[in-house]
Amino acid sequence: MKLWEIAHSRTGDKGNISNISLIVYDKKDYEKVCEKITANVVAEWFKNIVKGEVIRYELPQLGAMNFVMHDALGGGVTRSLALDKHGKSLSSYLLDIEIELD
């Protein structure tokens, strides 16, 4: 299944850093999603976009994770030549990851 079937996401930016939240719809899925969607998985998924480190922060009480992706926005809003300078579409791209819940 696609990740968007069990979670939603929001994206923010600060300079050249993209910040993506991943929030499960049902907290019973949270632990499995944590096992499957690691910082390394996200870094690999965004390897053509993100040039820096990806750090994952967990918020189990919310059923959420936050991924901070460094060097992800082509220099930041004022320097990037990308159409999506704020990286708002990156949350949709994250939700396209295929996931198996055992």
PDB file of N, CA and C in Angstrom:
ATOM      1  N   MET A   1       0.831  -1.174   0.000  1.00  0.00           N
ATOM      2  CA  MET A   1       0.000   0.000   0.000  1.00  0.00           C
ATOM      3  C   MET A   1       0.879   1.243   0.000  1.00  0.00           C
ATOM      4  N   LYS A   2       0.319   2.327  -0.448  1.00  0.00           N
ATOM      5  CA  LYS A   2       1.039   3.601  -0.402  1.00  0.00           C
ATOM      6  C   LYS A   2       0.902   4.200   0.996  1.00  0.00           C
ATOM      7  N   LEU A   3       1.910   4.920   1.402  1.00  0.00           N
ATOM      8  CA  LEU A   3       1.923   5.538   2.717  1.00  0.00           C
ATOM      9  C   LEU A   3       0.732   6.484   2.914  1.00  0.00           C
ATOM     10  N   TRP A   4       0.289   7.135   1.837  1.00  0.00           N
ATOM     11  CA  TRP A   4      -0.834   8.067   1.943  1.00  0.00           C
ATOM     12  C   TRP A   4      -2.133   7.383   2.362  1.00  0.00           C
ATOM     13  N   GLU A   5      -2.199   6.072   2.274  1.00  0.00           N
ATOM     14  CA  GLU A   5      -3.402   5.353   2.683  1.00  0.00           C
ATOM     15  C   GLU A   5      -3.539   5.269   4.208  1.00  0.00           C
ATOM     16  N   ILE A   6      -2.427   5.423   4.926  1.00  0.00           N
ATOM     17  CA  ILE A   6      -2.475   5.300   6.384  1.00  0.00           C
ATOM     18  C   ILE A   6      -1.928   6.520   7.118  1.00  0.00           C
ATOM     19  N   ALA A   7      -1.482   7.540   6.368  1.00  0.00           N
ATOM     20  CA  ALA A   7      -0.886   8.719   7.006  1.00  0.00           C
ATOM     21  C   ALA A   7      -1.091   9.962   6.148  1.00  0.00           C
ATOM     22  N   HIS A   8      -0.906  11.104   6.783  1.00  0.00           N
ATOM     23  CA  HIS A   8      -0.900  12.361   6.048  1.00  0.00           C
ATOM     24  C   HIS A   8       0.381  13.109   6.405  1.00  0.00           C
ATOM     25  N   SER A   9       0.633  14.192   5.696  1.00  0.00           N
ATOM     26  CA  SER A   9       1.917  14.865   5.827  1.00  0.00           C
ATOM     27  C   SER A   9       1.778  16.360   5.575  1.00  0.00           C
ATOM     28  N   ARG A  10       2.687  17.119   6.181  1.00  0.00           N
ATOM     29  CA  ARG A  10       2.779  18.564   5.952  1.00  0.00           C
ATOM     30  C   ARG A  10       4.262  18.918   5.801  1.00  0.00           C
ATOM     31  N   THR A  11       4.504  19.975   5.055  1.00  0.00           N
ATOM     32  CA  THR A  11       5.882  20.397   4.813  1.00  0.00           C
ATOM     33  C   THR A  11       6.061  21.870   5.168  1.00  0.00           C
ATOM     34  N   GLY A  12       7.209  22.165   5.750  1.00  0.00           N
ATOM     35  CA  GLY A  12       7.592  23.546   6.009  1.00  0.00           C
ATOM     36  C   GLY A  12       9.037  23.739   5.579  1.00  0.00           C
ATOM     37  N   ASP A  13       9.496  24.973   5.613  1.00  0.00           N
ATOM     38  CA  ASP A  13      10.875  25.241   5.206  1.00  0.00           C
ATOM     39  C   ASP A  13      11.478  26.324   6.069  1.00  0.00           C
ATOM     40  N   LYS A  14      12.773  26.283   6.177  1.00  0.00           N
ATOM     41  CA  LYS A  14      13.551  27.310   6.857  1.00  0.00           C
ATOM     42  C   LYS A  14      14.881  27.385   6.131  1.00  0.00           C
ATOM     43  N   GLY A  15      15.028  28.391   5.319  1.00  0.00           N
ATOM     44  CA  GLY A  15      16.247  28.500   4.521  1.00  0.00           C
ATOM     45  C   GLY A  15      16.339  27.351   3.543  1.00  0.00           C
ATOM     46  N   ASN A  16      17.408  26.599   3.622  1.00  0.00           N
ATOM     47  CA  ASN A  16      17.636  25.469   2.719  1.00  0.00           C
ATOM     48  C   ASN A  16      17.267  24.136   3.377  1.00  0.00           C
ATOM     49  N   ILE A  17      16.452  24.195   4.436  1.00  0.00           N
ATOM     50  CA  ILE A  17      16.032  22.996   5.171  1.00  0.00           C
ATOM     51  C   ILE A  17      14.557  22.755   4.926  1.00  0.00           C
ATOM     52  N   SER A  18      14.222  21.531   4.571  1.00  0.00           N
ATOM     53  CA  SER A  18      12.820  21.127   4.456  1.00  0.00           C
ATOM     54  C   SER A  18      12.463  20.302   5.682  1.00  0.00           C
ATOM     55  N   ASN A  19      11.299  20.564   6.217  1.00  0.00           N
ATOM     56  CA  ASN A  19      10.814  19.921   7.426  1.00  0.00           C
ATOM     57  C   ASN A  19       9.497  19.235   7.076  1.00  0.00           C
ATOM     58  N   ILE A  20       9.470  17.898   7.111  1.00  0.00           N
ATOM     59  CA  ILE A  20       8.275  17.158   6.714  1.00  0.00           C
ATOM     60  C   ILE A  20       7.740  16.366   7.899  1.00  0.00           C
ATOM     61  N   SER A  21       6.478  16.600   8.217  1.00  0.00           N
ATOM     62  CA  SER A  21       5.828  15.797   9.253  1.00  0.00           C
ATOM     63  C   SER A  21       5.110  14.627   8.585  1.00  0.00           C
ATOM     64  N   LEU A  22       5.047  13.519   9.291  1.00  0.00           N
ATOM     65  CA  LEU A  22       4.326  12.328   8.843  1.00  0.00           C
ATOM     66  C   LEU A  22       3.454  11.888  10.017  1.00  0.00           C
ATOM     67  N   ILE A  23       2.143  11.918   9.835  1.00  0.00           N
ATOM     68  CA  ILE A  23       1.209  11.647  10.917  1.00  0.00           C
ATOM     69  C   ILE A  23       0.281  10.506  10.502  1.00  0.00           C
ATOM     70  N   VAL A  24       0.276   9.420  11.280  1.00  0.00           N
ATOM     71  CA  VAL A  24      -0.601   8.291  10.957  1.00  0.00           C
ATOM     72  C   VAL A  24      -2.039   8.652  11.321  1.00  0.00           C
ATOM     73  N   TYR A  25      -2.975   8.120  10.557  1.00  0.00           N
ATOM     74  CA  TYR A  25      -4.395   8.334  10.850  1.00  0.00           C
ATOM     75  C   TYR A  25      -4.819   7.577  12.107  1.00  0.00           C
ATOM     76  N   ASP A  26      -4.276   6.370  12.254  1.00  0.00           N
ATOM     77  CA  ASP A  26      -4.639   5.505  13.381  1.00  0.00           C
ATOM     78  C   ASP A  26      -3.368   5.171  14.153  1.00  0.00           C
ATOM     79  N   LYS A  27      -3.324   5.508  15.434  1.00  0.00           N
ATOM     80  CA  LYS A  27      -2.103   5.307  16.224  1.00  0.00           C
ATOM     81  C   LYS A  27      -1.656   3.853  16.292  1.00  0.00           C
ATOM     82  N   LYS A  28      -2.542   2.908  16.012  1.00  0.00           N
ATOM     83  CA  LYS A  28      -2.129   1.498  16.018  1.00  0.00           C
ATOM     84  C   LYS A  28      -1.102   1.219  14.922  1.00  0.00           C
ATOM     85  N   ASP A  29      -1.036   2.060  13.901  1.00  0.00           N
ATOM     86  CA  ASP A  29      -0.076   1.886  12.809  1.00  0.00           C
ATOM     87  C   ASP A  29       1.263   2.575  13.071  1.00  0.00           C
ATOM     88  N   TYR A  30       1.337   3.361  14.123  1.00  0.00           N
ATOM     89  CA  TYR A  30       2.519   4.200  14.353  1.00  0.00           C
ATOM     90  C   TYR A  30       3.818   3.394  14.475  1.00  0.00           C
ATOM     91  N   GLU A  31       3.843   2.369  15.311  1.00  0.00           N
ATOM     92  CA  GLU A  31       5.074   1.600  15.522  1.00  0.00           C
ATOM     93  C   GLU A  31       5.568   0.948  14.229  1.00  0.00           C
ATOM     94  N   LYS A  32       4.643   0.397  13.457  1.00  0.00           N
ATOM     95  CA  LYS A  32       5.032  -0.242  12.185  1.00  0.00           C
ATOM     96  C   LYS A  32       5.596   0.793  11.210  1.00  0.00           C
ATOM     97  N   VAL A  33       4.968   1.960  11.166  1.00  0.00           N
ATOM     98  CA  VAL A  33       5.463   3.009  10.278  1.00  0.00           C
ATOM     99  C   VAL A  33       6.847   3.473  10.741  1.00  0.00           C
ATOM    100  N   CYS A  34       7.044   3.574  12.044  1.00  0.00           N
ATOM    101  CA  CYS A  34       8.372   3.933  12.569  1.00  0.00           C
ATOM    102  C   CYS A  34       9.440   2.927  12.146  1.00  0.00           C
ATOM    103  N   GLU A  35       9.086   1.655  12.166  1.00  0.00           N
ATOM    104  CA  GLU A  35      10.028   0.609  11.754  1.00  0.00           C
ATOM    105  C   GLU A  35      10.386   0.730  10.277  1.00  0.00           C
ATOM    106  N   LYS A  36       9.407   1.081   9.460  1.00  0.00           N
ATOM    107  CA  LYS A  36       9.592   1.067   8.003  1.00  0.00           C
ATOM    108  C   LYS A  36      10.120   2.381   7.432  1.00  0.00           C
ATOM    109  N   ILE A  37       9.712   3.494   8.010  1.00  0.00           N
ATOM    110  CA  ILE A  37      10.071   4.796   7.450  1.00  0.00           C
ATOM    111  C   ILE A  37      11.145   5.439   8.332  1.00  0.00           C
ATOM    112  N   THR A  38      12.357   5.020   8.114  1.00  0.00           N
ATOM    113  CA  THR A  38      13.509   5.522   8.874  1.00  0.00           C
ATOM    114  C   THR A  38      14.103   6.749   8.178  1.00  0.00           C
ATOM    115  N   ALA A  39      15.023   7.398   8.855  1.00  0.00           N
ATOM    116  CA  ALA A  39      15.731   8.521   8.237  1.00  0.00           C
ATOM    117  C   ALA A  39      16.487   8.058   6.991  1.00  0.00           C
ATOM    118  N   ASN A  40      17.047   6.848   7.042  1.00  0.00           N
ATOM    119  CA  ASN A  40      17.767   6.318   5.873  1.00  0.00           C
ATOM    120  C   ASN A  40      16.836   6.063   4.699  1.00  0.00           C
ATOM    121  N   VAL A  41      15.643   5.552   4.970  1.00  0.00           N
ATOM    122  CA  VAL A  41      14.654   5.315   3.903  1.00  0.00           C
ATOM    123  C   VAL A  41      14.264   6.648   3.262  1.00  0.00           C
ATOM    124  N   VAL A  42      14.021   7.654   4.077  1.00  0.00           N
ATOM    125  CA  VAL A  42      13.640   8.968   3.558  1.00  0.00           C
ATOM    126  C   VAL A  42      14.799   9.589   2.778  1.00  0.00           C
ATOM    127  N   ALA A  43      16.013   9.479   3.284  1.00  0.00           N
ATOM    128  CA  ALA A  43      17.185  10.007   2.570  1.00  0.00           C
ATOM    129  C   ALA A  43      17.333   9.339   1.207  1.00  0.00           C
ATOM    130  N   GLU A  44      17.139   8.044   1.152  1.00  0.00           N
ATOM    131  CA  GLU A  44      17.217   7.321  -0.125  1.00  0.00           C
ATOM    132  C   GLU A  44      16.093   7.751  -1.065  1.00  0.00           C
ATOM    133  N   TRP A  45      14.892   7.910  -0.535  1.00  0.00           N
ATOM    134  CA  TRP A  45      13.727   8.296  -1.335  1.00  0.00           C
ATOM    135  C   TRP A  45      13.934   9.681  -1.966  1.00  0.00           C
ATOM    136  N   PHE A  46      14.576  10.585  -1.230  1.00  0.00           N
ATOM    137  CA  PHE A  46      14.782  11.957  -1.694  1.00  0.00           C
ATOM    138  C   PHE A  46      16.209  12.194  -2.200  1.00  0.00           C
ATOM    139  N   LYS A  47      16.947  11.147  -2.521  1.00  0.00           N
ATOM    140  CA  LYS A  47      18.372  11.284  -2.843  1.00  0.00           C
ATOM    141  C   LYS A  47      18.653  12.229  -4.011  1.00  0.00           C
ATOM    142  N   ASN A  48      17.719  12.400  -4.916  1.00  0.00           N
ATOM    143  CA  ASN A  48      17.936  13.313  -6.040  1.00  0.00           C
ATOM    144  C   ASN A  48      17.616  14.758  -5.691  1.00  0.00           C
ATOM    145  N   ILE A  49      17.047  14.975  -4.514  1.00  0.00           N
ATOM    146  CA  ILE A  49      16.649  16.321  -4.097  1.00  0.00           C
ATOM    147  C   ILE A  49      17.464  16.789  -2.899  1.00  0.00           C
ATOM    148  N   VAL A  50      17.582  15.927  -1.896  1.00  0.00           N
ATOM    149  CA  VAL A  50      18.233  16.287  -0.640  1.00  0.00           C
ATOM    150  C   VAL A  50      19.720  15.959  -0.711  1.00  0.00           C
ATOM    151  N   LYS A  51      20.525  16.957  -0.477  1.00  0.00           N
ATOM    152  CA  LYS A  51      21.981  16.779  -0.561  1.00  0.00           C
ATOM    153  C   LYS A  51      22.641  16.669   0.806  1.00  0.00           C
ATOM    154  N   GLY A  52      21.889  16.920   1.864  1.00  0.00           N
ATOM    155  CA  GLY A  52      22.447  16.890   3.213  1.00  0.00           C
ATOM    156  C   GLY A  52      21.847  15.785   4.063  1.00  0.00           C
ATOM    157  N   GLU A  53      22.033  15.931   5.359  1.00  0.00           N
ATOM    158  CA  GLU A  53      21.593  14.946   6.340  1.00  0.00           C
ATOM    159  C   GLU A  53      20.067  14.964   6.510  1.00  0.00           C
ATOM    160  N   VAL A  54      19.504  13.785   6.771  1.00  0.00           N
ATOM    161  CA  VAL A  54      18.095  13.652   7.122  1.00  0.00           C
ATOM    162  C   VAL A  54      18.026  13.143   8.564  1.00  0.00           C
ATOM    163  N   ILE A  55      17.314  13.873   9.405  1.00  0.00           N
ATOM    164  CA  ILE A  55      17.168  13.512  10.821  1.00  0.00           C
ATOM    165  C   ILE A  55      15.688  13.273  11.099  1.00  0.00           C
ATOM    166  N   ARG A  56      15.384  12.185  11.818  1.00  0.00           N
ATOM    167  CA  ARG A  56      14.003  11.892  12.182  1.00  0.00           C
ATOM    168  C   ARG A  56      13.801  12.142  13.674  1.00  0.00           C
ATOM    169  N   TYR A  57      12.725  12.845  13.982  1.00  0.00           N
ATOM    170  CA  TYR A  57      12.291  13.056  15.359  1.00  0.00           C
ATOM    171  C   TYR A  57      10.948  12.352  15.525  1.00  0.00           C
ATOM    172  N   GLU A  58      10.788  11.644  16.631  1.00  0.00           N
ATOM    173  CA  GLU A  58       9.557  10.895  16.872  1.00  0.00           C
ATOM    174  C   GLU A  58       8.677  11.610  17.887  1.00  0.00           C
ATOM    175  N   LEU A  59       7.386  11.606  17.623  1.00  0.00           N
ATOM    176  CA  LEU A  59       6.384  12.193  18.515  1.00  0.00           C
ATOM    177  C   LEU A  59       5.283  11.156  18.729  1.00  0.00           C
ATOM    178  N   PRO A  60       5.578  10.106  19.511  1.00  0.00           N
ATOM    179  CA  PRO A  60       4.626   8.997  19.647  1.00  0.00           C
ATOM    180  C   PRO A  60       3.276   9.416  20.232  1.00  0.00           C
ATOM    181  N   GLN A  61       3.264  10.412  21.108  1.00  0.00           N
ATOM    182  CA  GLN A  61       2.009  10.843  21.695  1.00  0.00           C
ATOM    183  C   GLN A  61       1.060  11.426  20.641  1.00  0.00           C
ATOM    184  N   LEU A  62       1.610  11.868  19.506  1.00  0.00           N
ATOM    185  CA  LEU A  62       0.808  12.395  18.405  1.00  0.00           C
ATOM    186  C   LEU A  62       0.672  11.402  17.257  1.00  0.00           C
ATOM    187  N   GLY A  63       1.386  10.285  17.346  1.00  0.00           N
ATOM    188  CA  GLY A  63       1.406   9.343  16.230  1.00  0.00           C
ATOM    189  C   GLY A  63       2.103   9.961  15.028  1.00  0.00           C
ATOM    190  N   ALA A  64       3.166  10.712  15.296  1.00  0.00           N
ATOM    191  CA  ALA A  64       3.821  11.483  14.237  1.00  0.00           C
ATOM    192  C   ALA A  64       5.337  11.357  14.282  1.00  0.00           C
ATOM    193  N   MET A  65       5.931  11.658  13.146  1.00  0.00           N
ATOM    194  CA  MET A  65       7.372  11.783  12.999  1.00  0.00           C
ATOM    195  C   MET A  65       7.649  13.083  12.272  1.00  0.00           C
ATOM    196  N   ASN A  66       8.812  13.628  12.494  1.00  0.00           N
ATOM    197  CA  ASN A  66       9.222  14.833  11.807  1.00  0.00           C
ATOM    198  C   ASN A  66      10.584  14.573  11.182  1.00  0.00           C
ATOM    199  N   PHE A  67      10.683  14.794   9.881  1.00  0.00           N
ATOM    200  CA  PHE A  67      11.940  14.610   9.168  1.00  0.00           C
ATOM    201  C   PHE A  67      12.495  15.982   8.810  1.00  0.00           C
ATOM    202  N   VAL A  68      13.721  16.234   9.263  1.00  0.00           N
ATOM    203  CA  VAL A  68      14.407  17.479   8.948  1.00  0.00           C
ATOM    204  C   VAL A  68      15.468  17.135   7.902  1.00  0.00           C
ATOM    205  N   MET A  69      15.318  17.729   6.717  1.00  0.00           N
ATOM    206  CA  MET A  69      16.192  17.406   5.585  1.00  0.00           C
ATOM    207  C   MET A  69      17.032  18.637   5.233  1.00  0.00           C
ATOM    208  N   HIS A  70      18.324  18.514   5.462  1.00  0.00           N
ATOM    209  CA  HIS A  70      19.255  19.618   5.233  1.00  0.00           C
ATOM    210  C   HIS A  70      19.686  19.668   3.763  1.00  0.00           C
ATOM    211  N   ASP A  71      19.965  20.879   3.299  1.00  0.00           N
ATOM    212  CA  ASP A  71      20.395  21.115   1.914  1.00  0.00           C
ATOM    213  C   ASP A  71      19.397  20.474   0.950  1.00  0.00           C
ATOM    214  N   ALA A  72      18.126  20.865   1.123  1.00  0.00           N
ATOM    215  CA  ALA A  72      17.039  20.203   0.396  1.00  0.00           C
ATOM    216  C   ALA A  72      16.291  21.112  -0.570  1.00  0.00           C
ATOM    217  N   LEU A  73      16.557  22.405  -0.550  1.00  0.00           N
ATOM    218  CA  LEU A  73      15.719  23.323  -1.317  1.00  0.00           C
ATOM    219  C   LEU A  73      16.499  24.184  -2.300  1.00  0.00           C
ATOM    220  N   GLY A  74      17.564  23.629  -2.835  1.00  0.00           N
ATOM    221  CA  GLY A  74      18.315  24.332  -3.869  1.00  0.00           C
ATOM    222  C   GLY A  74      18.869  25.682  -3.433  1.00  0.00           C
ATOM    223  N   GLY A  75      19.211  25.795  -2.149  1.00  0.00           N
ATOM    224  CA  GLY A  75      19.771  27.037  -1.633  1.00  0.00           C
ATOM    225  C   GLY A  75      18.788  27.851  -0.818  1.00  0.00           C
ATOM    226  N   GLY A  76      17.528  27.488  -0.850  1.00  0.00           N
ATOM    227  CA  GLY A  76      16.513  28.220  -0.096  1.00  0.00           C
ATOM    228  C   GLY A  76      15.637  29.072  -1.004  1.00  0.00           C
ATOM    229  N   VAL A  77      14.580  29.612  -0.444  1.00  0.00           N
ATOM    230  CA  VAL A  77      13.559  30.322  -1.215  1.00  0.00           C
ATOM    231  C   VAL A  77      14.125  31.458  -2.055  1.00  0.00           C
ATOM    232  N   THR A  78      15.023  32.229  -1.507  1.00  0.00           N
ATOM    233  CA  THR A  78      15.530  33.390  -2.245  1.00  0.00           C
ATOM    234  C   THR A  78      16.611  33.037  -3.264  1.00  0.00           C
ATOM    235  N   ARG A  79      17.114  31.800  -3.229  1.00  0.00           N
ATOM    236  CA  ARG A  79      18.190  31.408  -4.139  1.00  0.00           C
ATOM    237  C   ARG A  79      17.800  30.317  -5.124  1.00  0.00           C
ATOM    238  N   SER A  80      16.764  29.559  -4.799  1.00  0.00           N
ATOM    239  CA  SER A  80      16.393  28.405  -5.606  1.00  0.00           C
ATOM    240  C   SER A  80      15.783  28.811  -6.947  1.00  0.00           C
ATOM    241  N   LEU A  81      16.073  28.022  -7.965  1.00  0.00           N
ATOM    242  CA  LEU A  81      15.461  28.215  -9.273  1.00  0.00           C
ATOM    243  C   LEU A  81      14.290  27.252  -9.481  1.00  0.00           C
ATOM    244  N   ALA A  82      13.970  26.462  -8.458  1.00  0.00           N
ATOM    245  CA  ALA A  82      12.889  25.480  -8.551  1.00  0.00           C
ATOM    246  C   ALA A  82      11.529  26.169  -8.599  1.00  0.00           C
ATOM    247  N   LEU A  83      10.567  25.519  -9.237  1.00  0.00           N
ATOM    248  CA  LEU A  83       9.206  26.037  -9.258  1.00  0.00           C
ATOM    249  C   LEU A  83       8.579  25.995  -7.868  1.00  0.00           C
ATOM    250  N   ASP A  84       8.895  24.974  -7.093  1.00  0.00           N
ATOM    251  CA  ASP A  84       8.365  24.801  -5.746  1.00  0.00           C
ATOM    252  C   ASP A  84       9.453  25.189  -4.753  1.00  0.00           C
ATOM    253  N   LYS A  85       9.710  26.466  -4.627  1.00  0.00           N
ATOM    254  CA  LYS A  85      10.835  26.954  -3.813  1.00  0.00           C
ATOM    255  C   LYS A  85      10.701  26.607  -2.338  1.00  0.00           C
ATOM    256  N   HIS A  86       9.475  26.520  -1.844  1.00  0.00           N
ATOM    257  CA  HIS A  86       9.243  26.185  -0.438  1.00  0.00           C
ATOM    258  C   HIS A  86       9.221  24.675  -0.209  1.00  0.00           C
ATOM    259  N   GLY A  87       9.193  23.883  -1.268  1.00  0.00           N
ATOM    260  CA  GLY A  87       9.194  22.425  -1.141  1.00  0.00           C
ATOM    261  C   GLY A  87       7.883  21.854  -0.639  1.00  0.00           C
ATOM    262  N   LYS A  88       6.778  22.551  -0.843  1.00  0.00           N
ATOM    263  CA  LYS A  88       5.484  22.086  -0.331  1.00  0.00           C
ATOM    264  C   LYS A  88       5.063  20.754  -0.943  1.00  0.00           C
ATOM    265  N   SER A  89       5.476  20.467  -2.148  1.00  0.00           N
ATOM    266  CA  SER A  89       5.089  19.205  -2.792  1.00  0.00           C
ATOM    267  C   SER A  89       5.881  18.006  -2.263  1.00  0.00           C
ATOM    268  N   LEU A  90       6.921  18.246  -1.481  1.00  0.00           N
ATOM    269  CA  LEU A  90       7.724  17.141  -0.959  1.00  0.00           C
ATOM    270  C   LEU A  90       6.913  16.241  -0.034  1.00  0.00           C
ATOM    271  N   SER A  91       5.919  16.792   0.654  1.00  0.00           N
ATOM    272  CA  SER A  91       5.087  15.952   1.520  1.00  0.00           C
ATOM    273  C   SER A  91       4.294  14.944   0.692  1.00  0.00           C
ATOM    274  N   SER A  92       3.786  15.359  -0.452  1.00  0.00           N
ATOM    275  CA  SER A  92       3.062  14.427  -1.329  1.00  0.00           C
ATOM    276  C   SER A  92       3.990  13.349  -1.867  1.00  0.00           C
ATOM    277  N   TYR A  93       5.201  13.739  -2.176  1.00  0.00           N
ATOM    278  CA  TYR A  93       6.181  12.774  -2.673  1.00  0.00           C
ATOM    279  C   TYR A  93       6.521  11.739  -1.598  1.00  0.00           C
ATOM    280  N   LEU A  94       6.673  12.180  -0.346  1.00  0.00           N
ATOM    281  CA  LEU A  94       6.935  11.257   0.758  1.00  0.00           C
ATOM    282  C   LEU A  94       5.811  10.223   0.878  1.00  0.00           C
ATOM    283  N   LEU A  95       4.573  10.668   0.747  1.00  0.00           N
ATOM    284  CA  LEU A  95       3.417   9.778   0.903  1.00  0.00           C
ATOM    285  C   LEU A  95       3.283   8.757  -0.214  1.00  0.00           C
ATOM    286  N   ASP A  96       4.079   8.889  -1.248  1.00  0.00           N
ATOM    287  CA  ASP A  96       4.049   7.933  -2.356  1.00  0.00           C
ATOM    288  C   ASP A  96       4.914   6.702  -2.098  1.00  0.00           C
ATOM    289  N   ILE A  97       5.611   6.649  -0.960  1.00  0.00           N
ATOM    290  CA  ILE A  97       6.422   5.470  -0.604  1.00  0.00           C
ATOM    291  C   ILE A  97       5.501   4.274  -0.424  1.00  0.00           C
ATOM    292  N   GLU A  98       5.907   3.166  -0.964  1.00  0.00           N
ATOM    293  CA  GLU A  98       5.182   1.892  -0.815  1.00  0.00           C
ATOM    294  C   GLU A  98       5.568   1.294   0.531  1.00  0.00           C
ATOM    295  N   ILE A  99       4.570   0.852   1.293  1.00  0.00           N
ATOM    296  CA  ILE A  99       4.821   0.302   2.627  1.00  0.00           C
ATOM    297  C   ILE A  99       4.009  -0.976   2.814  1.00  0.00           C
ATOM    298  N   GLU A 100       4.610  -1.948   3.485  1.00  0.00           N
ATOM    299  CA  GLU A 100       3.935  -3.201   3.843  1.00  0.00           C
ATOM    300  C   GLU A 100       3.770  -3.228   5.350  1.00  0.00           C
ATOM    301  N   LEU A 101       2.559  -3.335   5.814  1.00  0.00           N
ATOM    302  CA  LEU A 101       2.323  -3.514   7.250  1.00  0.00           C
ATOM    303  C   LEU A 101       2.089  -4.994   7.487  1.00  0.00           C
ATOM    304  N   ASP A 102       2.996  -5.623   8.209  1.00  0.00           N
ATOM    305  CA  ASP A 102       2.921  -7.072   8.422  1.00  0.00           C
ATOM    306  C   ASP A 102       1.745  -7.459   9.283  1.00  0.00           C
TER     307      ASP A 102
END
